[in-house]
Amino acid sequence: MNVQALAAGSLQVGSGGAEAFYEATERGLDLVMIGGVINGLTHDIVAGKKYKSIEDLRGATFGASSLTSGTVTAMKQALKVKGLEYPRDYKILVLAGGSSANLAALQSGQIAATTVAIPLNYVAEEAGFNVVGRLIDAVPEFELSALAVKRSWAEKNRSLAVRFIKALALTHRWMYENKEAAIDFLAREMLLKPSHARRGWEYYTQHQIWHPDADLSLKGTEYAIRIYMDQVGAKGQLGGVAKYVDQTYLKEALKDLPKR
């Protein structure tokens, strides 16, 4: 949705998986990634109570928000590492509503497993579901959510784009530097138990899922694109990510901020 809105000009800034912006650029859309929102995988594979391992899920139905999102791209790769190939060994049922909707479908028995983001995975565990895998273990480098703009818009409104990415960098720094306030904010905004919010903050900061300067992971971006290319059977070679990334806006924004 963000890709179409950015291309149409109804959004000036949007976030999404690196592979979505790669695919849009290859289709000739004038989009470019300028920063990182979530630099790494934050999802567990959560299964029904009778499933104890990923191998037990052969032939099962997984729930997902789409067939092509970054999380699904990574999930397919994590399952492939364990010997499960899509669509040979499992099905995917598309469900709207993210982790909450997937959890509801898991509780009803509509699906056997799904991916649930930290810290909602702790809710799933307390409900008796089994965590059978963690995406980051199979895919340690992955740009889950990048910040993108329409290149022509950003060039015409460079000072605004720089101020925006600067504000994001300051937000990320605030999350690191104000632990208790950040945990309280997460608990209130996400309707979480404070203990879950605390564990989530610890995971995101320890793994630098939020980059302190709102930068994206070039290695994670490249890997996300390569996995996607492999899964869709894209032809040709990926020569690098420079075609899809422009870090000059962030570099300009950081000139006004203290170095970390």
C-alpha atoms as a PDB file:
ATOM      1  CA  MET A   1       0.000   0.000   0.000  1.00  0.00           C
ATOM      2  CA  ASN A   2       2.813   2.437   0.863  1.00  0.00           C
ATOM      3  CA  VAL A   3       4.500   1.783  -2.472  1.00  0.00           C
ATOM      4  CA  GLN A   4       1.436   2.799  -4.470  1.00  0.00           C
ATOM      5  CA  ALA A   5       0.734   5.802  -2.256  1.00  0.00           C
ATOM      6  CA  LEU A   6       4.329   7.032  -2.521  1.00  0.00           C
ATOM      7  CA  ALA A   7       4.350   6.599  -6.281  1.00  0.00           C
ATOM      8  CA  ALA A   8       1.037   8.448  -6.595  1.00  0.00           C
ATOM      9  CA  GLY A   9       2.205  11.291  -4.371  1.00  0.00           C
ATOM     10  CA  SER A  10      -0.486  10.851  -1.717  1.00  0.00           C
ATOM     11  CA  LEU A  11       2.281   9.990   0.774  1.00  0.00           C
ATOM     12  CA  GLN A  12       5.630  11.735   0.977  1.00  0.00           C
ATOM     13  CA  VAL A  13       7.314   9.217   3.312  1.00  0.00           C
ATOM     14  CA  GLY A  14       6.501   5.566   3.827  1.00  0.00           C
ATOM     15  CA  SER A  15       7.923   2.473   5.470  1.00  0.00           C
ATOM     16  CA  GLY A  16       8.041  -1.107   4.304  1.00  0.00           C
ATOM     17  CA  GLY A  17      10.217  -4.082   3.523  1.00  0.00           C
ATOM     18  CA  ALA A  18      13.384  -3.468   1.518  1.00  0.00           C
ATOM     19  CA  GLU A  19      12.283  -6.034  -1.035  1.00  0.00           C
ATOM     20  CA  ALA A  20       9.078  -4.077  -1.736  1.00  0.00           C
ATOM     21  CA  PHE A  21      11.036  -0.935  -2.630  1.00  0.00           C
ATOM     22  CA  TYR A  22      13.514  -2.983  -4.672  1.00  0.00           C
ATOM     23  CA  GLU A  23      10.655  -4.483  -6.666  1.00  0.00           C
ATOM     24  CA  ALA A  24       9.047  -1.064  -7.147  1.00  0.00           C
ATOM     25  CA  THR A  25      12.315   0.434  -8.407  1.00  0.00           C
ATOM     26  CA  GLU A  26      12.782  -2.447 -10.839  1.00  0.00           C
ATOM     27  CA  ARG A  27       9.295  -1.687 -12.180  1.00  0.00           C
ATOM     28  CA  GLY A  28      10.453   1.860 -12.895  1.00  0.00           C
ATOM     29  CA  LEU A  29       8.896   3.633  -9.918  1.00  0.00           C
ATOM     30  CA  ASP A  30      10.848   6.626  -8.642  1.00  0.00           C
ATOM     31  CA  LEU A  31      11.375   5.407  -5.053  1.00  0.00           C
ATOM     32  CA  VAL A  32      14.469   5.285  -2.855  1.00  0.00           C
ATOM     33  CA  MET A  33      15.201   4.148   0.714  1.00  0.00           C
ATOM     34  CA  ILE A  34      16.709   6.836   2.953  1.00  0.00           C
ATOM     35  CA  GLY A  35      16.692   5.334   6.465  1.00  0.00           C
ATOM     36  CA  GLY A  36      15.846   2.394   8.660  1.00  0.00           C
ATOM     37  CA  VAL A  37      12.917   1.842  11.004  1.00  0.00           C
ATOM     38  CA  ILE A  38      13.310  -1.815  12.019  1.00  0.00           C
ATOM     39  CA  ASN A  39      16.764  -3.179  11.238  1.00  0.00           C
ATOM     40  CA  GLY A  40      16.368  -6.853  11.955  1.00  0.00           C
ATOM     41  CA  LEU A  41      13.842  -9.595  12.493  1.00  0.00           C
ATOM     42  CA  THR A  42      11.700  -9.394  15.605  1.00  0.00           C
ATOM     43  CA  HIS A  43       9.362 -12.331  15.051  1.00  0.00           C
ATOM     44  CA  ASP A  44       9.077 -15.750  16.636  1.00  0.00           C
ATOM     45  CA  ILE A  45       7.387 -18.681  14.923  1.00  0.00           C
ATOM     46  CA  VAL A  46       4.535 -19.496  17.289  1.00  0.00           C
ATOM     47  CA  ALA A  47       2.628 -22.763  16.911  1.00  0.00           C
ATOM     48  CA  GLY A  48      -0.407 -24.458  18.371  1.00  0.00           C
ATOM     49  CA  LYS A  49      -0.055 -26.392  21.582  1.00  0.00           C
ATOM     50  CA  LYS A  50       0.419 -29.797  19.906  1.00  0.00           C
ATOM     51  CA  TYR A  51       3.385 -28.660  17.812  1.00  0.00           C
ATOM     52  CA  LYS A  52       6.794 -28.836  19.473  1.00  0.00           C
ATOM     53  CA  SER A  53       9.138 -28.061  16.567  1.00  0.00           C
ATOM     54  CA  ILE A  54       9.215 -26.589  13.080  1.00  0.00           C
ATOM     55  CA  GLU A  55       9.507 -30.100  11.660  1.00  0.00           C
ATOM     56  CA  ASP A  56       6.147 -30.966  13.262  1.00  0.00           C
ATOM     57  CA  LEU A  57       4.520 -28.293  11.062  1.00  0.00           C
ATOM     58  CA  ARG A  58       5.051 -30.117   7.777  1.00  0.00           C
ATOM     59  CA  GLY A  59       1.705 -30.057   5.932  1.00  0.00           C
ATOM     60  CA  ALA A  60       0.276 -27.364   8.226  1.00  0.00           C
ATOM     61  CA  THR A  61      -1.238 -23.960   7.462  1.00  0.00           C
ATOM     62  CA  PHE A  62       0.586 -20.797   8.521  1.00  0.00           C
ATOM     63  CA  GLY A  63      -1.059 -17.416   8.966  1.00  0.00           C
ATOM     64  CA  ALA A  64       0.478 -14.284   7.442  1.00  0.00           C
ATOM     65  CA  SER A  65      -0.486 -10.723   6.550  1.00  0.00           C
ATOM     66  CA  SER A  66       0.420 -11.280   2.883  1.00  0.00           C
ATOM     67  CA  LEU A  67       2.330 -13.638   0.627  1.00  0.00           C
ATOM     68  CA  THR A  68       5.082 -11.132  -0.136  1.00  0.00           C
ATOM     69  CA  SER A  69       5.793  -9.057   2.983  1.00  0.00           C
ATOM     70  CA  GLY A  70       9.280  -8.909   4.465  1.00  0.00           C
ATOM     71  CA  THR A  71       8.228 -11.057   7.417  1.00  0.00           C
ATOM     72  CA  VAL A  72       6.871 -13.757   5.107  1.00  0.00           C
ATOM     73  CA  THR A  73       9.997 -13.604   2.949  1.00  0.00           C
ATOM     74  CA  ALA A  74      12.089 -14.229   6.081  1.00  0.00           C
ATOM     75  CA  MET A  75       9.707 -16.890   7.414  1.00  0.00           C
ATOM     76  CA  LYS A  76       9.968 -18.861   4.173  1.00  0.00           C
ATOM     77  CA  GLN A  77      13.754 -18.696   4.447  1.00  0.00           C
ATOM     78  CA  ALA A  78      13.740 -19.796   8.109  1.00  0.00           C
ATOM     79  CA  LEU A  79      11.468 -22.745   7.268  1.00  0.00           C
ATOM     80  CA  LYS A  80      13.624 -23.616   4.261  1.00  0.00           C
ATOM     81  CA  VAL A  81      16.649 -23.906   6.554  1.00  0.00           C
ATOM     82  CA  LYS A  82      14.685 -26.539   8.486  1.00  0.00           C
ATOM     83  CA  GLY A  83      13.758 -28.418   5.305  1.00  0.00           C
ATOM     84  CA  LEU A  84      10.258 -27.017   4.705  1.00  0.00           C
ATOM     85  CA  GLU A  85       9.697 -25.568   1.235  1.00  0.00           C
ATOM     86  CA  TYR A  86       6.738 -23.422   0.209  1.00  0.00           C
ATOM     87  CA  PRO A  87       4.261 -24.445  -1.193  1.00  0.00           C
ATOM     88  CA  ARG A  88       5.357 -28.087  -1.162  1.00  0.00           C
ATOM     89  CA  ASP A  89       5.410 -28.569   2.602  1.00  0.00           C
ATOM     90  CA  TYR A  90       2.967 -26.009   4.012  1.00  0.00           C
ATOM     91  CA  LYS A  91       0.237 -23.540   3.125  1.00  0.00           C
ATOM     92  CA  ILE A  92      -0.072 -19.832   3.918  1.00  0.00           C
ATOM     93  CA  LEU A  93      -3.429 -18.276   4.777  1.00  0.00           C
ATOM     94  CA  VAL A  94      -3.477 -14.500   4.345  1.00  0.00           C
ATOM     95  CA  LEU A  95      -5.086 -12.731   7.318  1.00  0.00           C
ATOM     96  CA  ALA A  96      -5.580  -8.990   7.730  1.00  0.00           C
ATOM     97  CA  GLY A  97      -4.703  -7.417  11.056  1.00  0.00           C
ATOM     98  CA  GLY A  98      -1.088  -8.318  11.811  1.00  0.00           C
ATOM     99  CA  SER A  99       0.126 -10.272  14.832  1.00  0.00           C
ATOM    100  CA  SER A 100      -3.110  -9.787  16.787  1.00  0.00           C
ATOM    101  CA  ALA A 101      -5.239 -11.279  13.989  1.00  0.00           C
ATOM    102  CA  ASN A 102      -2.812 -14.156  13.565  1.00  0.00           C
ATOM    103  CA  LEU A 103      -2.962 -14.916  17.280  1.00  0.00           C
ATOM    104  CA  ALA A 104      -6.768 -14.966  17.167  1.00  0.00           C
ATOM    105  CA  ALA A 105      -6.658 -17.373  14.214  1.00  0.00           C
ATOM    106  CA  LEU A 106      -4.197 -19.549  16.111  1.00  0.00           C
ATOM    107  CA  GLN A 107      -6.475 -19.622  19.151  1.00  0.00           C
ATOM    108  CA  SER A 108      -9.461 -20.639  17.013  1.00  0.00           C
ATOM    109  CA  GLY A 109      -7.537 -23.411  15.260  1.00  0.00           C
ATOM    110  CA  GLN A 110      -7.894 -21.748  11.857  1.00  0.00           C
ATOM    111  CA  ILE A 111      -4.116 -21.917  11.444  1.00  0.00           C
ATOM    112  CA  ALA A 112      -1.429 -24.112  12.987  1.00  0.00           C
ATOM    113  CA  ALA A 113       1.318 -21.517  13.263  1.00  0.00           C
ATOM    114  CA  THR A 114       2.233 -17.931  12.525  1.00  0.00           C
ATOM    115  CA  THR A 115       4.899 -15.323  13.164  1.00  0.00           C
ATOM    116  CA  VAL A 116       4.402 -13.015  16.128  1.00  0.00           C
ATOM    117  CA  ALA A 117       6.506  -9.940  16.767  1.00  0.00           C
ATOM    118  CA  ILE A 118       8.280  -9.245  20.027  1.00  0.00           C
ATOM    119  CA  PRO A 119       6.824  -8.346  22.541  1.00  0.00           C
ATOM    120  CA  LEU A 120       3.464  -9.880  21.521  1.00  0.00           C
ATOM    121  CA  ASN A 121       5.201 -13.261  21.478  1.00  0.00           C
ATOM    122  CA  TYR A 122       5.244 -13.115  25.278  1.00  0.00           C
ATOM    123  CA  VAL A 123       1.446 -12.868  25.244  1.00  0.00           C
ATOM    124  CA  ALA A 124       1.333 -15.968  23.032  1.00  0.00           C
ATOM    125  CA  GLU A 125       3.631 -17.898  25.373  1.00  0.00           C
ATOM    126  CA  GLU A 126       1.499 -17.017  28.391  1.00  0.00           C
ATOM    127  CA  ALA A 127      -1.539 -18.299  26.470  1.00  0.00           C
ATOM    128  CA  GLY A 128       0.153 -21.694  26.182  1.00  0.00           C
ATOM    129  CA  PHE A 129       1.347 -21.589  22.592  1.00  0.00           C
ATOM    130  CA  ASN A 130       4.773 -22.914  21.685  1.00  0.00           C
ATOM    131  CA  VAL A 131       7.619 -20.838  20.297  1.00  0.00           C
ATOM    132  CA  VAL A 132       9.260 -23.269  17.866  1.00  0.00           C
ATOM    133  CA  GLY A 133      11.677 -20.911  16.166  1.00  0.00           C
ATOM    134  CA  ARG A 134      13.014 -17.382  15.912  1.00  0.00           C
ATOM    135  CA  LEU A 135      13.456 -15.788  12.503  1.00  0.00           C
ATOM    136  CA  ILE A 136      16.612 -13.936  13.502  1.00  0.00           C
ATOM    137  CA  ASP A 137      18.380 -17.255  14.182  1.00  0.00           C
ATOM    138  CA  ALA A 138      17.999 -18.300  10.538  1.00  0.00           C
ATOM    139  CA  VAL A 139      18.262 -14.817   9.025  1.00  0.00           C
ATOM    140  CA  PRO A 140      20.552 -12.679  11.226  1.00  0.00           C
ATOM    141  CA  GLU A 141      20.824  -9.770   8.757  1.00  0.00           C
ATOM    142  CA  PHE A 142      17.535  -8.450   7.380  1.00  0.00           C
ATOM    143  CA  GLU A 143      16.105  -4.975   6.794  1.00  0.00           C
ATOM    144  CA  LEU A 144      12.533  -5.530   7.934  1.00  0.00           C
ATOM    145  CA  SER A 145      11.252  -1.966   7.607  1.00  0.00           C
ATOM    146  CA  ALA A 146      13.027   0.782   5.679  1.00  0.00           C
ATOM    147  CA  LEU A 147      12.006   4.411   5.230  1.00  0.00           C
ATOM    148  CA  ALA A 148      11.424   5.418   1.612  1.00  0.00           C
ATOM    149  CA  VAL A 149      10.498   8.503  -0.389  1.00  0.00           C
ATOM    150  CA  LYS A 150       9.764   9.374  -3.964  1.00  0.00           C
ATOM    151  CA  ARG A 151      13.168  10.452  -5.220  1.00  0.00           C
ATOM    152  CA  SER A 152      11.891  13.393  -7.257  1.00  0.00           C
ATOM    153  CA  TRP A 153       9.880  14.718  -4.291  1.00  0.00           C
ATOM    154  CA  ALA A 154      12.855  14.415  -1.927  1.00  0.00           C
ATOM    155  CA  GLU A 155      15.163  16.227  -4.329  1.00  0.00           C
ATOM    156  CA  LYS A 156      12.708  19.128  -4.612  1.00  0.00           C
ATOM    157  CA  ASN A 157      12.076  19.192  -0.845  1.00  0.00           C
ATOM    158  CA  ARG A 158      15.516  18.248   0.415  1.00  0.00           C
ATOM    159  CA  SER A 159      15.478  20.377   3.576  1.00  0.00           C
ATOM    160  CA  LEU A 160      12.134  18.867   4.608  1.00  0.00           C
ATOM    161  CA  ALA A 161      13.335  15.323   3.933  1.00  0.00           C
ATOM    162  CA  VAL A 162      16.481  16.009   5.970  1.00  0.00           C
ATOM    163  CA  ARG A 163      14.433  17.398   8.878  1.00  0.00           C
ATOM    164  CA  PHE A 164      12.172  14.353   8.797  1.00  0.00           C
ATOM    165  CA  ILE A 165      15.009  11.833   8.970  1.00  0.00           C
ATOM    166  CA  LYS A 166      16.659  13.963  11.661  1.00  0.00           C
ATOM    167  CA  ALA A 167      13.468  13.750  13.740  1.00  0.00           C
ATOM    168  CA  LEU A 168      13.452   9.969  13.340  1.00  0.00           C
ATOM    169  CA  ALA A 169      17.087   9.761  14.449  1.00  0.00           C
ATOM    170  CA  LEU A 170      16.288  11.858  17.524  1.00  0.00           C
ATOM    171  CA  THR A 171      13.323   9.596  18.280  1.00  0.00           C
ATOM    172  CA  HIS A 172      15.488   6.482  18.120  1.00  0.00           C
ATOM    173  CA  ARG A 173      18.112   8.095  20.350  1.00  0.00           C
ATOM    174  CA  TRP A 174      15.416   9.063  22.847  1.00  0.00           C
ATOM    175  CA  MET A 175      14.269   5.417  22.999  1.00  0.00           C
ATOM    176  CA  TYR A 176      17.791   4.354  23.944  1.00  0.00           C
ATOM    177  CA  GLU A 177      18.538   7.180  26.363  1.00  0.00           C
ATOM    178  CA  ASN A 178      15.243   7.163  28.301  1.00  0.00           C
ATOM    179  CA  LYS A 179      14.683   3.523  29.190  1.00  0.00           C
ATOM    180  CA  GLU A 180      11.899   3.831  31.761  1.00  0.00           C
ATOM    181  CA  ALA A 181       9.989   6.511  29.850  1.00  0.00           C
ATOM    182  CA  ALA A 182      10.322   4.488  26.640  1.00  0.00           C
ATOM    183  CA  ILE A 183       9.030   1.335  28.326  1.00  0.00           C
ATOM    184  CA  ASP A 184       6.077   3.275  29.751  1.00  0.00           C
ATOM    185  CA  PHE A 185       5.347   4.704  26.293  1.00  0.00           C
ATOM    186  CA  LEU A 186       5.448   1.251  24.668  1.00  0.00           C
ATOM    187  CA  ALA A 187       3.174  -0.224  27.329  1.00  0.00           C
ATOM    188  CA  ARG A 188       0.580   2.522  26.878  1.00  0.00           C
ATOM    189  CA  GLU A 189       0.689   2.738  23.076  1.00  0.00           C
ATOM    190  CA  MET A 190       0.690  -1.022  22.461  1.00  0.00           C
ATOM    191  CA  LEU A 191      -1.563  -1.905  25.424  1.00  0.00           C
ATOM    192  CA  LEU A 192       1.106  -4.199  26.859  1.00  0.00           C
ATOM    193  CA  LYS A 193       1.907  -5.410  30.317  1.00  0.00           C
ATOM    194  CA  PRO A 194       4.830  -3.344  31.607  1.00  0.00           C
ATOM    195  CA  SER A 195       6.885  -6.541  31.933  1.00  0.00           C
ATOM    196  CA  HIS A 196       6.303  -7.352  28.253  1.00  0.00           C
ATOM    197  CA  ALA A 197       7.163  -3.804  27.215  1.00  0.00           C
ATOM    198  CA  ARG A 198      10.389  -4.004  29.228  1.00  0.00           C
ATOM    199  CA  ARG A 199      11.445  -7.280  27.610  1.00  0.00           C
ATOM    200  CA  GLY A 200      10.607  -5.845  24.200  1.00  0.00           C
ATOM    201  CA  TRP A 201      12.689  -2.707  24.815  1.00  0.00           C
ATOM    202  CA  GLU A 202      15.595  -4.857  25.959  1.00  0.00           C
ATOM    203  CA  TYR A 203      15.449  -7.009  22.842  1.00  0.00           C
ATOM    204  CA  TYR A 204      15.193  -4.075  20.435  1.00  0.00           C
ATOM    205  CA  THR A 205      18.039  -2.148  22.047  1.00  0.00           C
ATOM    206  CA  GLN A 206      20.378  -5.094  22.647  1.00  0.00           C
ATOM    207  CA  HIS A 207      20.078  -6.163  18.989  1.00  0.00           C
ATOM    208  CA  GLN A 208      19.972  -2.540  17.723  1.00  0.00           C
ATOM    209  CA  ILE A 209      16.712  -3.252  15.938  1.00  0.00           C
ATOM    210  CA  TRP A 210      16.141   0.493  16.150  1.00  0.00           C
ATOM    211  CA  HIS A 211      19.349   1.970  14.791  1.00  0.00           C
ATOM    212  CA  PRO A 212      20.378   4.847  17.117  1.00  0.00           C
ATOM    213  CA  ASP A 213      20.817   7.121  14.091  1.00  0.00           C
ATOM    214  CA  ALA A 214      17.839   5.780  12.084  1.00  0.00           C
ATOM    215  CA  ASP A 215      20.210   4.337   9.517  1.00  0.00           C
ATOM    216  CA  LEU A 216      19.361   1.191   7.597  1.00  0.00           C
ATOM    217  CA  SER A 217      21.487  -1.920   7.387  1.00  0.00           C
ATOM    218  CA  LEU A 218      23.066  -2.140   3.946  1.00  0.00           C
ATOM    219  CA  LYS A 219      23.938  -5.770   4.554  1.00  0.00           C
ATOM    220  CA  GLY A 220      20.419  -6.501   5.788  1.00  0.00           C
ATOM    221  CA  THR A 221      18.911  -4.643   2.846  1.00  0.00           C
ATOM    222  CA  GLU A 222      20.994  -6.601   0.359  1.00  0.00           C
ATOM    223  CA  TYR A 223      20.153  -9.913   2.012  1.00  0.00           C
ATOM    224  CA  ALA A 224      16.414  -9.143   2.092  1.00  0.00           C
ATOM    225  CA  ILE A 225      16.500  -8.358  -1.623  1.00  0.00           C
ATOM    226  CA  ARG A 226      18.538 -11.459  -2.462  1.00  0.00           C
ATOM    227  CA  ILE A 227      16.140 -13.748  -0.585  1.00  0.00           C
ATOM    228  CA  TYR A 228      13.200 -12.115  -2.342  1.00  0.00           C
ATOM    229  CA  MET A 229      14.864 -12.483  -5.765  1.00  0.00           C
ATOM    230  CA  ASP A 230      15.444 -16.158  -5.089  1.00  0.00           C
ATOM    231  CA  GLN A 231      11.877 -16.774  -3.935  1.00  0.00           C
ATOM    232  CA  VAL A 232      10.240 -15.066  -6.935  1.00  0.00           C
ATOM    233  CA  GLY A 233      12.727 -16.443  -9.444  1.00  0.00           C
ATOM    234  CA  ALA A 234      14.016 -13.012 -10.465  1.00  0.00           C
ATOM    235  CA  LYS A 235      16.438 -13.035 -13.369  1.00  0.00           C
ATOM    236  CA  GLY A 236      19.821 -11.338 -13.389  1.00  0.00           C
ATOM    237  CA  GLN A 237      22.262 -10.434 -10.647  1.00  0.00           C
ATOM    238  CA  LEU A 238      22.010  -7.912  -7.823  1.00  0.00           C
ATOM    239  CA  GLY A 239      24.963  -5.619  -8.376  1.00  0.00           C
ATOM    240  CA  GLY A 240      24.557  -3.911  -5.008  1.00  0.00           C
ATOM    241  CA  VAL A 241      22.036  -1.751  -3.194  1.00  0.00           C
ATOM    242  CA  ALA A 242      23.264   1.719  -4.211  1.00  0.00           C
ATOM    243  CA  LYS A 243      20.531   1.858  -6.851  1.00  0.00           C
ATOM    244  CA  TYR A 244      17.872   1.539  -4.155  1.00  0.00           C
ATOM    245  CA  VAL A 245      19.391   3.514  -1.246  1.00  0.00           C
ATOM    246  CA  ASP A 246      20.355   7.159  -0.747  1.00  0.00           C
ATOM    247  CA  GLN A 247      21.997   7.862   2.621  1.00  0.00           C
ATOM    248  CA  THR A 248      22.907  11.486   1.862  1.00  0.00           C
ATOM    249  CA  TYR A 249      19.764  12.823   3.570  1.00  0.00           C
ATOM    250  CA  LEU A 250      20.661  11.045   6.794  1.00  0.00           C
ATOM    251  CA  LYS A 251      24.312  12.100   6.601  1.00  0.00           C
ATOM    252  CA  GLU A 252      23.225  15.719   6.237  1.00  0.00           C
ATOM    253  CA  ALA A 253      20.822  15.392   9.166  1.00  0.00           C
ATOM    254  CA  LEU A 254      23.475  13.887  11.439  1.00  0.00           C
ATOM    255  CA  LYS A 255      25.804  16.855  10.914  1.00  0.00           C
ATOM    256  CA  ASP A 256      23.607  18.812  13.333  1.00  0.00           C
ATOM    257  CA  LEU A 257      23.546  16.070  15.986  1.00  0.00           C
ATOM    258  CA  PRO A 258      26.195  15.065  18.533  1.00  0.00           C
ATOM    259  CA  LYS A 259      28.169  12.008  17.502  1.00  0.00           C
ATOM    260  CA  ARG A 260      27.376   8.846  19.426  1.00  0.00           C
END
